[in-house]
Amino acid sequence: MVALGSQNALAADYQIIDIQPGQTVDVYFEVNLKGTVSLRIATRTGLGCAELWWIKWPLGEIKSLGKKCGVARLEIPGFTDLAVAGKLRATGVSSPTKIVAAANERVANSITLHW
């Protein structure tokens, strides 16, 4: 089990992303989901920081989240953000950094088709 602030995630529920200075990485991608993404940003010497943003589809709009340090919980963009899918990206680290990401998600909208 991994502790992400006050929330725990099972081992199978998280991913670890490595990011180097000058690099941009994809942290999380979703389609038709709602919920939250919890992050822990760390370097060899302790808590780290990264610039984060969502790319929202279908319009391809950018939603800047600014600089986040240590532990953060982010809302997955949905219909109120005019999004049916989103990609969370990170950049702007000053030293090699690891981002541990875990999502608490569920289906946002369902459609019934009759044949």
C-alpha atoms as a PDB file:
ATOM      1  CA  MET A   1       0.000   0.000   0.000  1.00  0.00           C
ATOM      2  CA  VAL A   2       1.202   3.507  -0.809  1.00  0.00           C
ATOM      3  CA  ALA A   3       0.265   6.554   1.272  1.00  0.00           C
ATOM      4  CA  LEU A   4      -0.672   9.603  -0.779  1.00  0.00           C
ATOM      5  CA  GLY A   5      -1.328  12.260   1.835  1.00  0.00           C
ATOM      6  CA  SER A   6      -4.349  11.162   3.827  1.00  0.00           C
ATOM      7  CA  GLN A   7      -5.505   8.673   1.158  1.00  0.00           C
ATOM      8  CA  ASN A   8      -4.140   5.177   0.584  1.00  0.00           C
ATOM      9  CA  ALA A   9      -3.895   3.388  -2.751  1.00  0.00           C
ATOM     10  CA  LEU A  10      -3.428  -0.313  -3.371  1.00  0.00           C
ATOM     11  CA  ALA A  11      -0.179  -1.316  -5.082  1.00  0.00           C
ATOM     12  CA  ALA A  12      -1.958  -2.134  -8.362  1.00  0.00           C
ATOM     13  CA  ASP A  13      -3.660   1.272  -8.385  1.00  0.00           C
ATOM     14  CA  TYR A  14      -0.691   3.579  -8.835  1.00  0.00           C
ATOM     15  CA  GLN A  15       2.033   4.333 -11.348  1.00  0.00           C
ATOM     16  CA  ILE A  16       5.448   5.938 -10.948  1.00  0.00           C
ATOM     17  CA  ILE A  17       6.546   8.429 -13.579  1.00  0.00           C
ATOM     18  CA  ASP A  18      10.171   9.597 -13.887  1.00  0.00           C
ATOM     19  CA  ILE A  19      10.777  13.136 -15.103  1.00  0.00           C
ATOM     20  CA  GLN A  20      14.076  14.877 -15.839  1.00  0.00           C
ATOM     21  CA  PRO A  21      14.785  18.637 -16.011  1.00  0.00           C
ATOM     22  CA  GLY A  22      13.642  20.003 -19.384  1.00  0.00           C
ATOM     23  CA  GLN A  23      11.329  17.034 -20.003  1.00  0.00           C
ATOM     24  CA  THR A  24       7.539  16.965 -20.319  1.00  0.00           C
ATOM     25  CA  VAL A  25       5.705  13.746 -19.373  1.00  0.00           C
ATOM     26  CA  ASP A  26       2.179  12.368 -19.462  1.00  0.00           C
ATOM     27  CA  VAL A  27       1.043  11.574 -15.929  1.00  0.00           C
ATOM     28  CA  TYR A  28      -2.563  10.428 -16.459  1.00  0.00           C
ATOM     29  CA  PHE A  29      -5.048   9.961 -19.319  1.00  0.00           C
ATOM     30  CA  GLU A  30      -8.800   9.415 -19.086  1.00  0.00           C
ATOM     31  CA  VAL A  31     -11.874   9.141 -21.269  1.00  0.00           C
ATOM     32  CA  ASN A  32     -15.379   9.630 -19.833  1.00  0.00           C
ATOM     33  CA  LEU A  33     -14.283   9.377 -16.195  1.00  0.00           C
ATOM     34  CA  LYS A  34     -14.876  11.515 -13.124  1.00  0.00           C
ATOM     35  CA  GLY A  35     -13.121  11.576  -9.767  1.00  0.00           C
ATOM     36  CA  THR A  36      -9.676  12.641  -8.588  1.00  0.00           C
ATOM     37  CA  VAL A  37      -6.003  11.995  -9.286  1.00  0.00           C
ATOM     38  CA  SER A  38      -3.693  12.017  -6.255  1.00  0.00           C
ATOM     39  CA  LEU A  39      -0.021  12.818  -6.774  1.00  0.00           C
ATOM     40  CA  ARG A  40       3.141  12.651  -4.691  1.00  0.00           C
ATOM     41  CA  ILE A  41       6.020  14.565  -6.250  1.00  0.00           C
ATOM     42  CA  ALA A  42       9.452  13.691  -4.843  1.00  0.00           C
ATOM     43  CA  THR A  43      13.181  14.016  -5.494  1.00  0.00           C
ATOM     44  CA  ARG A  44      16.116  12.190  -3.899  1.00  0.00           C
ATOM     45  CA  THR A  45      16.324  14.885  -1.247  1.00  0.00           C
ATOM     46  CA  GLY A  46      12.619  15.151  -0.377  1.00  0.00           C
ATOM     47  CA  LEU A  47       9.475  16.710  -1.754  1.00  0.00           C
ATOM     48  CA  GLY A  48       9.627  18.057  -5.283  1.00  0.00           C
ATOM     49  CA  CYS A  49       7.618  20.436  -7.455  1.00  0.00           C
ATOM     50  CA  ALA A  50       6.295  20.319 -11.022  1.00  0.00           C
ATOM     51  CA  GLU A  51       4.205  22.477 -13.343  1.00  0.00           C
ATOM     52  CA  LEU A  52       0.958  20.636 -14.158  1.00  0.00           C
ATOM     53  CA  TRP A  53      -1.821  21.085 -16.700  1.00  0.00           C
ATOM     54  CA  TRP A  54      -4.728  19.218 -18.259  1.00  0.00           C
ATOM     55  CA  ILE A  55      -5.257  18.936 -22.010  1.00  0.00           C
ATOM     56  CA  LYS A  56      -9.036  18.639 -22.402  1.00  0.00           C
ATOM     57  CA  TRP A  57     -10.779  17.048 -25.380  1.00  0.00           C
ATOM     58  CA  PRO A  58     -12.650  17.334 -27.708  1.00  0.00           C
ATOM     59  CA  LEU A  59     -11.594  20.994 -27.974  1.00  0.00           C
ATOM     60  CA  GLY A  60      -7.918  20.521 -27.070  1.00  0.00           C
ATOM     61  CA  GLU A  61      -8.047  23.299 -24.463  1.00  0.00           C
ATOM     62  CA  ILE A  62      -5.330  23.676 -21.844  1.00  0.00           C
ATOM     63  CA  LYS A  63      -6.263  24.053 -18.163  1.00  0.00           C
ATOM     64  CA  SER A  64      -3.169  25.187 -16.260  1.00  0.00           C
ATOM     65  CA  LEU A  65      -2.911  23.966 -12.662  1.00  0.00           C
ATOM     66  CA  GLY A  66       0.283  25.872 -11.905  1.00  0.00           C
ATOM     67  CA  LYS A  67       3.183  24.662  -9.805  1.00  0.00           C
ATOM     68  CA  LYS A  68       2.310  21.841  -7.379  1.00  0.00           C
ATOM     69  CA  CYS A  69       4.691  20.606  -4.687  1.00  0.00           C
ATOM     70  CA  GLY A  70       4.675  17.501  -2.503  1.00  0.00           C
ATOM     71  CA  VAL A  71       1.191  15.969  -2.348  1.00  0.00           C
ATOM     72  CA  ALA A  72      -1.705  17.166  -4.515  1.00  0.00           C
ATOM     73  CA  ARG A  73      -5.225  15.962  -5.280  1.00  0.00           C
ATOM     74  CA  LEU A  74      -6.631  17.069  -8.639  1.00  0.00           C
ATOM     75  CA  GLU A  75     -10.195  16.917  -9.920  1.00  0.00           C
ATOM     76  CA  ILE A  76     -10.556  15.072 -13.247  1.00  0.00           C
ATOM     77  CA  PRO A  77     -12.058  17.527 -15.777  1.00  0.00           C
ATOM     78  CA  GLY A  78     -15.569  16.664 -16.950  1.00  0.00           C
ATOM     79  CA  PHE A  79     -18.596  18.163 -18.680  1.00  0.00           C
ATOM     80  CA  THR A  80     -18.458  21.323 -16.538  1.00  0.00           C
ATOM     81  CA  ASP A  81     -14.989  21.847 -18.049  1.00  0.00           C
ATOM     82  CA  LEU A  82     -16.346  21.001 -21.533  1.00  0.00           C
ATOM     83  CA  ALA A  83     -14.263  17.814 -21.528  1.00  0.00           C
ATOM     84  CA  VAL A  84     -15.033  14.184 -22.345  1.00  0.00           C
ATOM     85  CA  ALA A  85     -11.367  13.175 -22.066  1.00  0.00           C
ATOM     86  CA  GLY A  86      -8.251  14.614 -20.498  1.00  0.00           C
ATOM     87  CA  LYS A  87      -4.499  14.160 -20.264  1.00  0.00           C
ATOM     88  CA  LEU A  88      -2.534  15.375 -17.234  1.00  0.00           C
ATOM     89  CA  ARG A  89       0.973  16.553 -18.124  1.00  0.00           C
ATOM     90  CA  ALA A  90       3.963  17.661 -16.038  1.00  0.00           C
ATOM     91  CA  THR A  91       7.167  19.640 -16.646  1.00  0.00           C
ATOM     92  CA  GLY A  92       9.373  22.212 -14.946  1.00  0.00           C
ATOM     93  CA  VAL A  93      11.333  20.086 -12.477  1.00  0.00           C
ATOM     94  CA  SER A  94      14.750  21.306 -11.323  1.00  0.00           C
ATOM     95  CA  SER A  95      16.227  17.855 -10.581  1.00  0.00           C
ATOM     96  CA  PRO A  96      15.346  14.222 -11.426  1.00  0.00           C
ATOM     97  CA  THR A  97      11.885  13.686  -9.968  1.00  0.00           C
ATOM     98  CA  LYS A  98       9.413  10.853  -9.473  1.00  0.00           C
ATOM     99  CA  ILE A  99       5.680  11.402  -9.559  1.00  0.00           C
ATOM    100  CA  VAL A 100       3.507   8.741  -7.945  1.00  0.00           C
ATOM    101  CA  ALA A 101      -0.023   8.963  -9.406  1.00  0.00           C
ATOM    102  CA  ALA A 102      -3.162   7.153  -8.228  1.00  0.00           C
ATOM    103  CA  ALA A 103      -6.715   7.760  -9.438  1.00  0.00           C
ATOM    104  CA  ASN A 104     -10.055   7.415  -7.701  1.00  0.00           C
ATOM    105  CA  GLU A 105     -12.290   7.285 -10.752  1.00  0.00           C
ATOM    106  CA  ARG A 106     -15.642   6.100 -12.059  1.00  0.00           C
ATOM    107  CA  VAL A 107     -17.586   6.315 -15.328  1.00  0.00           C
ATOM    108  CA  ALA A 108     -18.889   9.834 -15.813  1.00  0.00           C
ATOM    109  CA  ASN A 109     -21.667   9.282 -18.363  1.00  0.00           C
ATOM    110  CA  SER A 110     -23.272   6.282 -19.976  1.00  0.00           C
ATOM    111  CA  ILE A 111     -25.430   6.006 -23.067  1.00  0.00           C
ATOM    112  CA  THR A 112     -27.837   3.195 -23.849  1.00  0.00           C
ATOM    113  CA  LEU A 113     -28.088   2.194 -27.502  1.00  0.00           C
ATOM    114  CA  HIS A 114     -31.034   0.125 -28.720  1.00  0.00           C
ATOM    115  CA  TRP A 115     -30.497  -1.971 -31.848  1.00  0.00           C
END
